[in-house]
Amino acid sequence: MIILLKKHVTQEQETDFISQLKEMGFDTHLSIGTNHTIIGLVGDTSTIDIEMLKAFDIVETVQRVQEPFKKSNRRFHEEDTVITLQNGTKIGGGNFQVMAGPCSIESEEQIIGIAQSVKAAGASILRGGAFKPRTSPYSFQGLQEEGLELLLKAKEKTGLPIVTEIMDSAHIPLFEEVDIIQVGARNMQNFELLKKLGQLRKPVLLKRGLANTLQELLMSAEYIMAGGNEQVILCERGIRTIETYTRNTLDISAIPVLHRLSHLPVIADPSHATGDAKLVRPMALAAVMAGVDGLLIEVHNDPSHALCDGAQSLTPEAFASMMGKIQAVRPFAER
C-alpha cells in the first residue's frame, strides 16, 4: 500500500503520521520525489481501512499495491535509484557504466593486463571471476581466494572498482574490499544467501535466473532490500528457451519492463546471453538502445586459451571497437 502525502506537509506532521503507522504494526518506506512524498506500507495491509487513512489531513490519496514486490516497486519510489560506489562512480538514473573483464581470473599478469586495456577503452568497473559455478564438477572452479587477491591487486593498480561473484554466504568476509557483490543466475533464488547480503550495506548485482520470470527476479531483489540493503542492481543475462543457436536468449523486452516496474538500475550481460563473441556487440547495442544503465562484458587477452567461457569473450581490441559504437548510439537510447 502506498500513501501519497499532500504538498507542503511539515516535517513534524510527517514524523507524527509515520509514528502512528508504526504503532499500527507497519514498517514504512519513505520516498521523497521531485513532486511528491510517498510512504509505502510494508506488511499485511489487507485489513487496514483505506478511508481511515484518507481522513488524515496530510494524506492526498491511498492506493493498494497488487504486486508482491514492494521495496523494489516504482510505485514506492518514483525516482530512479542511483547507486554510488566508494570512488564516486554512479550507476542508474542516467549514469551509464560498463563492467568488463575476464570470466575467470587466471594469473596476476592476465587480470592486470586486461584491467588496463578495458580501462583505456572506457570501462569504468572491472569484472573478474574468482569463485566459478560450473555445470561440471570437473571444470575449472576458479582461483577462489587467490583470485580475489589478484582482483584486488588489479583494483589497486588501475583504480577501477571491482565486481565479482559470491557463491556462499560463508565467503562474505572475503568480499569486504569488493565494490559490488554479484549474485549469479544459479543463486538468484538462494534465499538464505540473499538474506545475508541484505544485512550488508554494499551494492549487489543480481542476475536473472536461467528460467525465472521478471516478477521472480524482483522478489529476489526484495529479499535483499527487506534486510535493509537497498543497493541492488538488476541484470538481464538471458534466459533458457527452445533456441539452440545461442547459449541463452537475451530478453531485450525485459529492460523497459523492469524500468517500468522498478526504480532499481538495470544492466545487461550479452556475453552470457549469447555465448558467442560475434554476437556480443550487436546485443550490447540493442540493450543500450532499450535503455540499460550499464553492460557486463567478458574480455580476455587470449580467448582461445581461456580457462572459462573463451568463446563468448571479446579481445581487448574488439572491446575497444564496441565501446566506440556504444558511445555513438547512446544519445539515441530509450528512457
C-alpha atoms as a PDB file:
ATOM      1  CA  MET A   1       0.000   0.000   0.000  1.00  0.00           C
ATOM      2  CA  ILE A   2       1.249   3.482  -0.817  1.00  0.00           C
ATOM      3  CA  ILE A   3       0.183   6.752   0.766  1.00  0.00           C
ATOM      4  CA  LEU A   4       0.688   9.939  -1.230  1.00  0.00           C
ATOM      5  CA  LEU A   5       1.106  12.974   1.022  1.00  0.00           C
ATOM      6  CA  LYS A   6      -0.142  16.440   0.186  1.00  0.00           C
ATOM      7  CA  LYS A   7       2.340  19.128  -0.781  1.00  0.00           C
ATOM      8  CA  HIS A   8       3.758  21.456   1.871  1.00  0.00           C
ATOM      9  CA  VAL A   9       3.427  18.910   4.704  1.00  0.00           C
ATOM     10  CA  THR A  10       5.705  19.850   7.592  1.00  0.00           C
ATOM     11  CA  GLN A  11       8.430  17.567   8.892  1.00  0.00           C
ATOM     12  CA  GLU A  12       6.646  17.406  12.243  1.00  0.00           C
ATOM     13  CA  GLN A  13       3.366  16.284  10.625  1.00  0.00           C
ATOM     14  CA  GLU A  14       5.167  13.670   8.562  1.00  0.00           C
ATOM     15  CA  THR A  15       7.079  12.278  11.559  1.00  0.00           C
ATOM     16  CA  ASP A  16       3.923  12.129  13.684  1.00  0.00           C
ATOM     17  CA  PHE A  17       1.999  10.325  10.928  1.00  0.00           C
ATOM     18  CA  ILE A  18       4.763   7.753  10.415  1.00  0.00           C
ATOM     19  CA  SER A  19       4.858   7.127  14.179  1.00  0.00           C
ATOM     20  CA  GLN A  20       1.126   6.391  14.149  1.00  0.00           C
ATOM     21  CA  LEU A  21       1.559   3.975  11.249  1.00  0.00           C
ATOM     22  CA  LYS A  22       4.306   2.134  13.103  1.00  0.00           C
ATOM     23  CA  GLU A  23       2.066   1.895  16.171  1.00  0.00           C
ATOM     24  CA  MET A  24      -0.423   0.088  13.928  1.00  0.00           C
ATOM     25  CA  GLY A  25       2.284  -2.524  13.272  1.00  0.00           C
ATOM     26  CA  PHE A  26       3.518  -1.466   9.842  1.00  0.00           C
ATOM     27  CA  ASP A  27       7.030  -0.927   8.536  1.00  0.00           C
ATOM     28  CA  THR A  28       7.280   2.247   6.455  1.00  0.00           C
ATOM     29  CA  HIS A  29       9.350   3.173   3.429  1.00  0.00           C
ATOM     30  CA  LEU A  30       9.661   6.911   2.792  1.00  0.00           C
ATOM     31  CA  SER A  31      10.366   8.165  -0.726  1.00  0.00           C
ATOM     32  CA  ILE A  32      10.761  11.891  -1.301  1.00  0.00           C
ATOM     33  CA  GLY A  33      10.409  12.678  -5.002  1.00  0.00           C
ATOM     34  CA  THR A  34      10.556  15.874  -7.006  1.00  0.00           C
ATOM     35  CA  ASN A  35       6.802  16.381  -6.870  1.00  0.00           C
ATOM     36  CA  HIS A  36       5.512  14.003  -4.212  1.00  0.00           C
ATOM     37  CA  THR A  37       6.352  12.355  -0.915  1.00  0.00           C
ATOM     38  CA  ILE A  38       5.271   8.728  -0.769  1.00  0.00           C
ATOM     39  CA  ILE A  39       5.009   6.480   2.266  1.00  0.00           C
ATOM     40  CA  GLY A  40       4.988   2.787   1.493  1.00  0.00           C
ATOM     41  CA  LEU A  41       3.446   0.420   3.999  1.00  0.00           C
ATOM     42  CA  VAL A  42       5.174  -2.951   4.218  1.00  0.00           C
ATOM     43  CA  GLY A  43       3.277  -5.758   5.914  1.00  0.00           C
ATOM     44  CA  ASP A  44      -0.190  -7.282   5.843  1.00  0.00           C
ATOM     45  CA  THR A  45      -2.319  -4.331   4.765  1.00  0.00           C
ATOM     46  CA  SER A  46      -5.364  -6.433   3.856  1.00  0.00           C
ATOM     47  CA  THR A  47      -7.297  -5.375   6.961  1.00  0.00           C
ATOM     48  CA  ILE A  48      -6.376  -1.695   7.003  1.00  0.00           C
ATOM     49  CA  ASP A  49      -9.175   0.819   6.487  1.00  0.00           C
ATOM     50  CA  ILE A  50      -8.250   2.995   3.486  1.00  0.00           C
ATOM     51  CA  GLU A  51     -10.913   5.561   4.371  1.00  0.00           C
ATOM     52  CA  MET A  52      -9.399   5.925   7.831  1.00  0.00           C
ATOM     53  CA  LEU A  53      -6.025   6.764   6.278  1.00  0.00           C
ATOM     54  CA  LYS A  54      -7.617   9.219   3.844  1.00  0.00           C
ATOM     55  CA  ALA A  55      -9.137  11.048   6.812  1.00  0.00           C
ATOM     56  CA  PHE A  56      -5.715  12.329   7.876  1.00  0.00           C
ATOM     57  CA  ASP A  57      -5.302  15.962   6.809  1.00  0.00           C
ATOM     58  CA  ILE A  58      -1.869  15.392   5.274  1.00  0.00           C
ATOM     59  CA  VAL A  59      -2.945  12.460   3.054  1.00  0.00           C
ATOM     60  CA  GLU A  60      -3.653  13.146  -0.619  1.00  0.00           C
ATOM     61  CA  THR A  61      -4.552   9.601  -1.674  1.00  0.00           C
ATOM     62  CA  VAL A  62      -4.070   5.924  -0.777  1.00  0.00           C
ATOM     63  CA  GLN A  63      -3.517   3.050  -3.205  1.00  0.00           C
ATOM     64  CA  ARG A  64      -3.162  -0.670  -2.740  1.00  0.00           C
ATOM     65  CA  VAL A  65      -0.180  -2.235  -4.491  1.00  0.00           C
ATOM     66  CA  GLN A  66      -1.161  -5.533  -6.053  1.00  0.00           C
ATOM     67  CA  GLU A  67       2.358  -6.699  -6.944  1.00  0.00           C
ATOM     68  CA  PRO A  68       4.045  -8.806  -4.245  1.00  0.00           C
ATOM     69  CA  PHE A  69       7.297  -6.840  -4.556  1.00  0.00           C
ATOM     70  CA  LYS A  70       7.161  -3.638  -2.528  1.00  0.00           C
ATOM     71  CA  LYS A  71      10.520  -2.001  -1.842  1.00  0.00           C
ATOM     72  CA  SER A  72      11.730  -2.544  -5.419  1.00  0.00           C
ATOM     73  CA  ASN A  73       8.425  -1.278  -6.834  1.00  0.00           C
ATOM     74  CA  ARG A  74       8.479   2.048  -8.686  1.00  0.00           C
ATOM     75  CA  ARG A  75       5.174   2.948  -7.035  1.00  0.00           C
ATOM     76  CA  PHE A  76       7.028   3.042  -3.723  1.00  0.00           C
ATOM     77  CA  HIS A  77       9.910   5.047  -5.175  1.00  0.00           C
ATOM     78  CA  GLU A  78       9.124   7.192  -8.233  1.00  0.00           C
ATOM     79  CA  GLU A  79      12.675   8.414  -8.859  1.00  0.00           C
ATOM     80  CA  ASP A  80      15.377   6.138 -10.299  1.00  0.00           C
ATOM     81  CA  THR A  81      17.701   4.737  -7.680  1.00  0.00           C
ATOM     82  CA  VAL A  82      21.284   5.847  -8.241  1.00  0.00           C
ATOM     83  CA  ILE A  83      23.956   3.650  -6.689  1.00  0.00           C
ATOM     84  CA  THR A  84      27.221   5.369  -5.837  1.00  0.00           C
ATOM     85  CA  LEU A  85      30.395   3.310  -5.401  1.00  0.00           C
ATOM     86  CA  GLN A  86      33.157   4.263  -2.992  1.00  0.00           C
ATOM     87  CA  ASN A  87      35.177   6.019  -5.685  1.00  0.00           C
ATOM     88  CA  GLY A  88      32.167   8.105  -6.758  1.00  0.00           C
ATOM     89  CA  THR A  89      31.141   6.039  -9.804  1.00  0.00           C
ATOM     90  CA  LYS A  90      27.342   6.198 -10.200  1.00  0.00           C
ATOM     91  CA  ILE A  91      25.021   3.585 -11.713  1.00  0.00           C
ATOM     92  CA  GLY A  92      21.420   4.361 -12.661  1.00  0.00           C
ATOM     93  CA  GLY A  93      19.388   7.484 -13.196  1.00  0.00           C
ATOM     94  CA  GLY A  94      21.117   8.330 -16.465  1.00  0.00           C
ATOM     95  CA  ASN A  95      24.568   7.218 -15.273  1.00  0.00           C
ATOM     96  CA  PHE A  96      25.741   4.520 -17.690  1.00  0.00           C
ATOM     97  CA  GLN A  97      28.637   2.232 -16.762  1.00  0.00           C
ATOM     98  CA  VAL A  98      30.413  -0.657 -18.491  1.00  0.00           C
ATOM     99  CA  MET A  99      31.782  -3.508 -16.367  1.00  0.00           C
ATOM    100  CA  ALA A 100      34.374  -5.544 -18.243  1.00  0.00           C
ATOM    101  CA  GLY A 101      36.963  -8.213 -17.622  1.00  0.00           C
ATOM    102  CA  PRO A 102      37.611 -11.957 -17.793  1.00  0.00           C
ATOM    103  CA  CYS A 103      35.125 -14.646 -16.912  1.00  0.00           C
ATOM    104  CA  SER A 104      37.792 -16.184 -14.727  1.00  0.00           C
ATOM    105  CA  ILE A 105      40.925 -14.734 -13.154  1.00  0.00           C
ATOM    106  CA  GLU A 106      43.870 -16.889 -14.225  1.00  0.00           C
ATOM    107  CA  SER A 107      47.011 -15.019 -13.172  1.00  0.00           C
ATOM    108  CA  GLU A 108      48.226 -11.660 -11.906  1.00  0.00           C
ATOM    109  CA  GLU A 109      49.618 -10.739 -15.310  1.00  0.00           C
ATOM    110  CA  GLN A 110      46.354 -11.652 -17.029  1.00  0.00           C
ATOM    111  CA  ILE A 111      43.944  -9.726 -14.775  1.00  0.00           C
ATOM    112  CA  ILE A 112      46.106  -6.597 -14.520  1.00  0.00           C
ATOM    113  CA  GLY A 113      46.745  -6.546 -18.276  1.00  0.00           C
ATOM    114  CA  ILE A 114      43.041  -6.900 -19.085  1.00  0.00           C
ATOM    115  CA  ALA A 115      42.123  -4.311 -16.442  1.00  0.00           C
ATOM    116  CA  GLN A 116      44.470  -1.772 -18.008  1.00  0.00           C
ATOM    117  CA  SER A 117      43.137  -2.440 -21.513  1.00  0.00           C
ATOM    118  CA  VAL A 118      39.421  -2.214 -20.640  1.00  0.00           C
ATOM    119  CA  LYS A 119      40.036   0.961 -18.639  1.00  0.00           C
ATOM    120  CA  ALA A 120      41.813   2.511 -21.619  1.00  0.00           C
ATOM    121  CA  ALA A 121      38.820   1.609 -23.795  1.00  0.00           C
ATOM    122  CA  GLY A 122      36.353   3.313 -21.432  1.00  0.00           C
ATOM    123  CA  ALA A 123      35.201   0.674 -18.956  1.00  0.00           C
ATOM    124  CA  SER A 124      34.613   2.107 -15.507  1.00  0.00           C
ATOM    125  CA  ILE A 125      34.310  -1.119 -13.474  1.00  0.00           C
ATOM    126  CA  LEU A 126      36.438  -4.284 -13.598  1.00  0.00           C
ATOM    127  CA  ARG A 127      34.723  -7.658 -13.517  1.00  0.00           C
ATOM    128  CA  GLY A 128      36.502 -10.927 -12.852  1.00  0.00           C
ATOM    129  CA  GLY A 129      35.536 -14.357 -11.583  1.00  0.00           C
ATOM    130  CA  ALA A 130      37.320 -15.789  -8.543  1.00  0.00           C
ATOM    131  CA  PHE A 131      34.700 -18.326  -7.453  1.00  0.00           C
ATOM    132  CA  LYS A 132      33.197 -20.006 -10.516  1.00  0.00           C
ATOM    133  CA  PRO A 133      29.942 -22.001 -10.521  1.00  0.00           C
ATOM    134  CA  ARG A 134      30.356 -24.588 -13.264  1.00  0.00           C
ATOM    135  CA  THR A 135      27.902 -27.115 -14.659  1.00  0.00           C
ATOM    136  CA  SER A 136      30.528 -29.855 -14.489  1.00  0.00           C
ATOM    137  CA  PRO A 137      32.409 -30.608 -11.235  1.00  0.00           C
ATOM    138  CA  TYR A 138      35.446 -31.369 -13.396  1.00  0.00           C
ATOM    139  CA  SER A 139      35.610 -27.892 -14.953  1.00  0.00           C
ATOM    140  CA  PHE A 140      37.898 -25.131 -13.669  1.00  0.00           C
ATOM    141  CA  GLN A 141      36.301 -23.742 -10.493  1.00  0.00           C
ATOM    142  CA  GLY A 142      38.322 -20.532 -10.330  1.00  0.00           C
ATOM    143  CA  LEU A 143      41.292 -19.494  -8.199  1.00  0.00           C
ATOM    144  CA  GLN A 144      38.897 -18.609  -5.355  1.00  0.00           C
ATOM    145  CA  GLU A 145      40.641 -16.720  -2.509  1.00  0.00           C
ATOM    146  CA  GLU A 146      43.812 -16.297  -4.559  1.00  0.00           C
ATOM    147  CA  GLY A 147      41.676 -14.948  -7.393  1.00  0.00           C
ATOM    148  CA  LEU A 148      40.149 -12.337  -5.091  1.00  0.00           C
ATOM    149  CA  GLU A 149      43.621 -11.239  -4.019  1.00  0.00           C
ATOM    150  CA  LEU A 150      44.672 -10.836  -7.665  1.00  0.00           C
ATOM    151  CA  LEU A 151      41.490  -8.897  -8.439  1.00  0.00           C
ATOM    152  CA  LEU A 152      42.251  -6.526  -5.586  1.00  0.00           C
ATOM    153  CA  LYS A 153      45.768  -6.045  -6.954  1.00  0.00           C
ATOM    154  CA  ALA A 154      44.252  -5.057 -10.294  1.00  0.00           C
ATOM    155  CA  LYS A 155      41.956  -2.628  -8.493  1.00  0.00           C
ATOM    156  CA  GLU A 156      44.937  -1.067  -6.725  1.00  0.00           C
ATOM    157  CA  LYS A 157      46.932  -0.875  -9.963  1.00  0.00           C
ATOM    158  CA  THR A 158      44.198   0.696 -12.110  1.00  0.00           C
ATOM    159  CA  GLY A 159      41.864   2.416  -9.639  1.00  0.00           C
ATOM    160  CA  LEU A 160      38.880   0.568 -11.130  1.00  0.00           C
ATOM    161  CA  PRO A 161      36.124  -0.574  -8.738  1.00  0.00           C
ATOM    162  CA  ILE A 162      35.551  -4.320  -8.924  1.00  0.00           C
ATOM    163  CA  VAL A 163      32.588  -6.682  -9.223  1.00  0.00           C
ATOM    164  CA  THR A 164      32.839 -10.414  -8.636  1.00  0.00           C
ATOM    165  CA  GLU A 165      30.508 -13.308  -7.870  1.00  0.00           C
ATOM    166  CA  ILE A 166      29.787 -14.809  -4.469  1.00  0.00           C
ATOM    167  CA  MET A 167      28.590 -18.409  -4.130  1.00  0.00           C
ATOM    168  CA  ASP A 168      28.371 -18.963  -0.381  1.00  0.00           C
ATOM    169  CA  SER A 169      27.418 -16.651   2.490  1.00  0.00           C
ATOM    170  CA  ALA A 170      30.408 -18.060   4.396  1.00  0.00           C
ATOM    171  CA  HIS A 171      32.611 -16.149   1.923  1.00  0.00           C
ATOM    172  CA  ILE A 172      31.153 -12.728   2.784  1.00  0.00           C
ATOM    173  CA  PRO A 173      34.143 -11.692   4.970  1.00  0.00           C
ATOM    174  CA  LEU A 174      36.398 -12.207   1.931  1.00  0.00           C
ATOM    175  CA  PHE A 175      34.384  -9.620  -0.024  1.00  0.00           C
ATOM    176  CA  GLU A 176      34.977  -6.678   2.309  1.00  0.00           C
ATOM    177  CA  GLU A 177      37.013  -4.728  -0.278  1.00  0.00           C
ATOM    178  CA  VAL A 178      34.867  -5.763  -3.253  1.00  0.00           C
ATOM    179  CA  ASP A 179      32.823  -2.826  -4.547  1.00  0.00           C
ATOM    180  CA  ILE A 180      29.881  -4.800  -5.997  1.00  0.00           C
ATOM    181  CA  ILE A 181      28.966  -8.353  -4.990  1.00  0.00           C
ATOM    182  CA  GLN A 182      27.473 -10.335  -7.852  1.00  0.00           C
ATOM    183  CA  VAL A 183      24.811 -12.991  -7.314  1.00  0.00           C
ATOM    184  CA  GLY A 184      24.846 -15.314 -10.305  1.00  0.00           C
ATOM    185  CA  ALA A 185      21.883 -16.765 -12.170  1.00  0.00           C
ATOM    186  CA  ARG A 186      22.105 -20.093 -10.334  1.00  0.00           C
ATOM    187  CA  ASN A 187      21.893 -18.355  -6.953  1.00  0.00           C
ATOM    188  CA  MET A 188      19.110 -15.893  -7.793  1.00  0.00           C
ATOM    189  CA  GLN A 189      16.751 -17.853  -5.547  1.00  0.00           C
ATOM    190  CA  ASN A 190      19.287 -18.828  -2.897  1.00  0.00           C
ATOM    191  CA  PHE A 191      17.176 -17.011  -0.342  1.00  0.00           C
ATOM    192  CA  GLU A 192      19.454 -17.614   2.631  1.00  0.00           C
ATOM    193  CA  LEU A 193      22.341 -16.017   0.714  1.00  0.00           C
ATOM    194  CA  LEU A 194      20.097 -13.093  -0.288  1.00  0.00           C
ATOM    195  CA  LYS A 195      19.081 -12.549   3.334  1.00  0.00           C
ATOM    196  CA  LYS A 196      22.733 -12.388   4.389  1.00  0.00           C
ATOM    197  CA  LEU A 197      23.505  -9.878   1.623  1.00  0.00           C
ATOM    198  CA  GLY A 198      20.537  -7.844   2.842  1.00  0.00           C
ATOM    199  CA  GLN A 199      22.404  -7.301   6.105  1.00  0.00           C
ATOM    200  CA  LEU A 200      25.281  -5.607   4.267  1.00  0.00           C
ATOM    201  CA  ARG A 201      25.426  -2.024   3.081  1.00  0.00           C
ATOM    202  CA  LYS A 202      27.187  -2.827  -0.157  1.00  0.00           C
ATOM    203  CA  PRO A 203      25.881  -2.869  -3.768  1.00  0.00           C
ATOM    204  CA  VAL A 204      24.635  -6.240  -5.019  1.00  0.00           C
ATOM    205  CA  LEU A 205      24.383  -7.118  -8.711  1.00  0.00           C
ATOM    206  CA  LEU A 206      21.541  -9.626  -9.006  1.00  0.00           C
ATOM    207  CA  LYS A 207      21.367 -11.724 -12.164  1.00  0.00           C
ATOM    208  CA  ARG A 208      18.111 -13.132 -13.511  1.00  0.00           C
ATOM    209  CA  GLY A 209      17.915 -16.919 -13.324  1.00  0.00           C
ATOM    210  CA  LEU A 210      18.006 -19.102 -16.417  1.00  0.00           C
ATOM    211  CA  ALA A 211      14.262 -19.812 -16.280  1.00  0.00           C
ATOM    212  CA  ASN A 212      12.896 -17.145 -13.984  1.00  0.00           C
ATOM    213  CA  THR A 213      10.221 -14.546 -14.575  1.00  0.00           C
ATOM    214  CA  LEU A 214      10.758 -10.829 -14.047  1.00  0.00           C
ATOM    215  CA  GLN A 215       8.488 -10.937 -11.017  1.00  0.00           C
ATOM    216  CA  GLU A 216      10.649 -13.685  -9.513  1.00  0.00           C
ATOM    217  CA  LEU A 217      13.737 -11.553 -10.162  1.00  0.00           C
ATOM    218  CA  LEU A 218      12.132  -8.607  -8.381  1.00  0.00           C
ATOM    219  CA  MET A 219      11.063 -10.823  -5.485  1.00  0.00           C
ATOM    220  CA  SER A 220      14.686 -11.922  -5.103  1.00  0.00           C
ATOM    221  CA  ALA A 221      15.697  -8.261  -5.033  1.00  0.00           C
ATOM    222  CA  GLU A 222      13.023  -7.837  -2.365  1.00  0.00           C
ATOM    223  CA  TYR A 223      14.794 -10.364  -0.140  1.00  0.00           C
ATOM    224  CA  ILE A 224      17.932  -8.211  -0.194  1.00  0.00           C
ATOM    225  CA  MET A 225      16.068  -4.930   0.258  1.00  0.00           C
ATOM    226  CA  ALA A 226      13.858  -6.288   3.054  1.00  0.00           C
ATOM    227  CA  GLY A 227      17.049  -6.771   5.075  1.00  0.00           C
ATOM    228  CA  GLY A 228      17.869  -3.077   4.740  1.00  0.00           C
ATOM    229  CA  ASN A 229      20.275  -3.147   1.801  1.00  0.00           C
ATOM    230  CA  GLU A 230      18.592  -1.156  -0.964  1.00  0.00           C
ATOM    231  CA  GLN A 231      21.660  -1.013  -3.230  1.00  0.00           C
ATOM    232  CA  VAL A 232      20.551  -3.608  -5.778  1.00  0.00           C
ATOM    233  CA  ILE A 233      21.375  -3.690  -9.496  1.00  0.00           C
ATOM    234  CA  LEU A 234      19.235  -5.945 -11.690  1.00  0.00           C
ATOM    235  CA  CYS A 235      20.917  -7.857 -14.523  1.00  0.00           C
ATOM    236  CA  GLU A 236      19.251  -9.374 -17.583  1.00  0.00           C
ATOM    237  CA  ARG A 237      21.656 -12.111 -18.711  1.00  0.00           C
ATOM    238  CA  GLY A 238      19.493 -14.195 -20.998  1.00  0.00           C
ATOM    239  CA  ILE A 239      17.022 -16.972 -20.301  1.00  0.00           C
ATOM    240  CA  ARG A 240      16.831 -20.574 -21.487  1.00  0.00           C
ATOM    241  CA  THR A 241      14.467 -21.066 -24.423  1.00  0.00           C
ATOM    242  CA  ILE A 242      13.984 -23.646 -27.166  1.00  0.00           C
ATOM    243  CA  GLU A 243      16.645 -21.906 -29.289  1.00  0.00           C
ATOM    244  CA  THR A 244      19.937 -23.798 -29.658  1.00  0.00           C
ATOM    245  CA  TYR A 245      21.956 -21.440 -31.843  1.00  0.00           C
ATOM    246  CA  THR A 246      22.770 -19.248 -28.863  1.00  0.00           C
ATOM    247  CA  ARG A 247      23.706 -20.174 -25.309  1.00  0.00           C
ATOM    248  CA  ASN A 248      20.638 -18.342 -23.971  1.00  0.00           C
ATOM    249  CA  THR A 249      18.150 -15.830 -25.356  1.00  0.00           C
ATOM    250  CA  LEU A 250      18.716 -12.204 -24.345  1.00  0.00           C
ATOM    251  CA  ASP A 251      15.336 -10.793 -23.329  1.00  0.00           C
ATOM    252  CA  ILE A 252      15.622  -7.220 -24.609  1.00  0.00           C
ATOM    253  CA  SER A 253      11.990  -6.533 -23.663  1.00  0.00           C
ATOM    254  CA  ALA A 254      12.887  -7.188 -20.020  1.00  0.00           C
ATOM    255  CA  ILE A 255      14.864  -3.933 -19.901  1.00  0.00           C
ATOM    256  CA  PRO A 256      11.988  -1.446 -20.431  1.00  0.00           C
ATOM    257  CA  VAL A 257       9.610  -3.672 -18.461  1.00  0.00           C
ATOM    258  CA  LEU A 258      11.937  -3.688 -15.446  1.00  0.00           C
ATOM    259  CA  HIS A 259      12.341   0.075 -15.688  1.00  0.00           C
ATOM    260  CA  ARG A 260       8.562   0.441 -15.674  1.00  0.00           C
ATOM    261  CA  LEU A 261       8.078  -1.886 -12.723  1.00  0.00           C
ATOM    262  CA  SER A 262      11.081  -0.920 -10.611  1.00  0.00           C
ATOM    263  CA  HIS A 263      13.268   2.046  -9.718  1.00  0.00           C
ATOM    264  CA  LEU A 264      16.406  -0.113  -9.487  1.00  0.00           C
ATOM    265  CA  PRO A 265      19.206   0.165 -12.081  1.00  0.00           C
ATOM    266  CA  VAL A 266      19.089  -2.419 -14.869  1.00  0.00           C
ATOM    267  CA  ILE A 267      22.138  -3.726 -16.744  1.00  0.00           C
ATOM    268  CA  ALA A 268      22.555  -6.408 -19.419  1.00  0.00           C
ATOM    269  CA  ASP A 269      25.069  -9.207 -19.908  1.00  0.00           C
ATOM    270  CA  PRO A 270      25.215 -10.011 -23.638  1.00  0.00           C
ATOM    271  CA  SER A 271      28.213 -12.299 -23.146  1.00  0.00           C
ATOM    272  CA  HIS A 272      26.372 -14.969 -21.161  1.00  0.00           C
ATOM    273  CA  ALA A 273      23.194 -14.365 -23.117  1.00  0.00           C
ATOM    274  CA  THR A 274      24.689 -15.341 -26.464  1.00  0.00           C
ATOM    275  CA  GLY A 275      27.755 -17.426 -25.658  1.00  0.00           C
ATOM    276  CA  ASP A 276      29.300 -16.180 -28.892  1.00  0.00           C
ATOM    277  CA  ALA A 277      31.767 -13.299 -29.115  1.00  0.00           C
ATOM    278  CA  LYS A 278      30.470 -12.396 -32.588  1.00  0.00           C
ATOM    279  CA  LEU A 279      27.030 -11.694 -31.140  1.00  0.00           C
ATOM    280  CA  VAL A 280      28.107  -9.663 -28.126  1.00  0.00           C
ATOM    281  CA  ARG A 281      28.410  -6.306 -29.894  1.00  0.00           C
ATOM    282  CA  PRO A 282      25.006  -6.337 -31.661  1.00  0.00           C
ATOM    283  CA  MET A 283      23.254  -7.492 -28.478  1.00  0.00           C
ATOM    284  CA  ALA A 284      25.103  -4.892 -26.393  1.00  0.00           C
ATOM    285  CA  LEU A 285      23.990  -2.163 -28.793  1.00  0.00           C
ATOM    286  CA  ALA A 286      20.412  -3.455 -28.706  1.00  0.00           C
ATOM    287  CA  ALA A 287      20.447  -3.379 -24.904  1.00  0.00           C
ATOM    288  CA  VAL A 288      21.805   0.169 -24.914  1.00  0.00           C
ATOM    289  CA  MET A 289      19.020   1.291 -27.237  1.00  0.00           C
ATOM    290  CA  ALA A 290      16.472  -0.408 -24.940  1.00  0.00           C
ATOM    291  CA  GLY A 291      17.659   1.780 -22.066  1.00  0.00           C
ATOM    292  CA  VAL A 292      20.054  -0.199 -19.882  1.00  0.00           C
ATOM    293  CA  ASP A 293      22.026   1.562 -17.164  1.00  0.00           C
ATOM    294  CA  GLY A 294      25.120  -0.472 -17.963  1.00  0.00           C
ATOM    295  CA  LEU A 295      26.671  -3.552 -19.532  1.00  0.00           C
ATOM    296  CA  LEU A 296      28.596  -6.548 -18.201  1.00  0.00           C
ATOM    297  CA  ILE A 297      31.079  -7.701 -20.854  1.00  0.00           C
ATOM    298  CA  GLU A 298      33.598 -10.532 -20.809  1.00  0.00           C
ATOM    299  CA  VAL A 299      37.040  -9.621 -22.155  1.00  0.00           C
ATOM    300  CA  HIS A 300      40.067 -11.906 -22.406  1.00  0.00           C
ATOM    301  CA  ASN A 301      43.516 -11.263 -23.853  1.00  0.00           C
ATOM    302  CA  ASP A 302      43.660 -14.775 -25.371  1.00  0.00           C
ATOM    303  CA  PRO A 303      40.097 -16.172 -25.700  1.00  0.00           C
ATOM    304  CA  SER A 304      41.120 -19.361 -27.484  1.00  0.00           C
ATOM    305  CA  HIS A 305      43.153 -20.415 -24.430  1.00  0.00           C
ATOM    306  CA  ALA A 306      40.810 -19.059 -21.717  1.00  0.00           C
ATOM    307  CA  LEU A 307      40.112 -21.446 -18.855  1.00  0.00           C
ATOM    308  CA  CYS A 308      36.452 -20.422 -18.832  1.00  0.00           C
ATOM    309  CA  ASP A 309      33.985 -19.177 -21.499  1.00  0.00           C
ATOM    310  CA  GLY A 310      36.552 -18.177 -24.094  1.00  0.00           C
ATOM    311  CA  ALA A 311      34.014 -18.488 -26.912  1.00  0.00           C
ATOM    312  CA  GLN A 312      31.992 -15.552 -25.614  1.00  0.00           C
ATOM    313  CA  SER A 313      34.924 -13.326 -24.629  1.00  0.00           C
ATOM    314  CA  LEU A 314      35.936 -10.297 -26.652  1.00  0.00           C
ATOM    315  CA  THR A 315      39.567  -9.476 -27.260  1.00  0.00           C
ATOM    316  CA  PRO A 316      40.684  -6.086 -25.891  1.00  0.00           C
ATOM    317  CA  GLU A 317      40.725  -4.759 -29.472  1.00  0.00           C
ATOM    318  CA  ALA A 318      37.166  -5.947 -30.168  1.00  0.00           C
ATOM    319  CA  PHE A 319      36.028  -4.474 -26.850  1.00  0.00           C
ATOM    320  CA  ALA A 320      37.542  -1.095 -27.702  1.00  0.00           C
ATOM    321  CA  SER A 321      35.790  -1.152 -31.070  1.00  0.00           C
ATOM    322  CA  MET A 322      32.474  -1.987 -29.408  1.00  0.00           C
ATOM    323  CA  MET A 323      32.881   0.851 -26.898  1.00  0.00           C
ATOM    324  CA  GLY A 324      33.206   3.287 -29.789  1.00  0.00           C
ATOM    325  CA  LYS A 325      29.897   2.050 -31.224  1.00  0.00           C
ATOM    326  CA  ILE A 326      28.198   2.310 -27.839  1.00  0.00           C
ATOM    327  CA  GLN A 327      29.236   5.929 -27.384  1.00  0.00           C
ATOM    328  CA  ALA A 328      27.867   6.691 -30.856  1.00  0.00           C
ATOM    329  CA  VAL A 329      24.380   5.267 -30.186  1.00  0.00           C
ATOM    330  CA  ARG A 330      23.858   6.200 -26.542  1.00  0.00           C
ATOM    331  CA  PRO A 331      22.421   9.667 -27.292  1.00  0.00           C
ATOM    332  CA  PHE A 332      19.556   7.916 -29.101  1.00  0.00           C
ATOM    333  CA  ALA A 333      18.838   5.341 -26.375  1.00  0.00           C
ATOM    334  CA  GLU A 334      15.368   4.818 -24.933  1.00  0.00           C
ATOM    335  CA  ARG A 335      14.474   6.128 -21.399  1.00  0.00           C
END
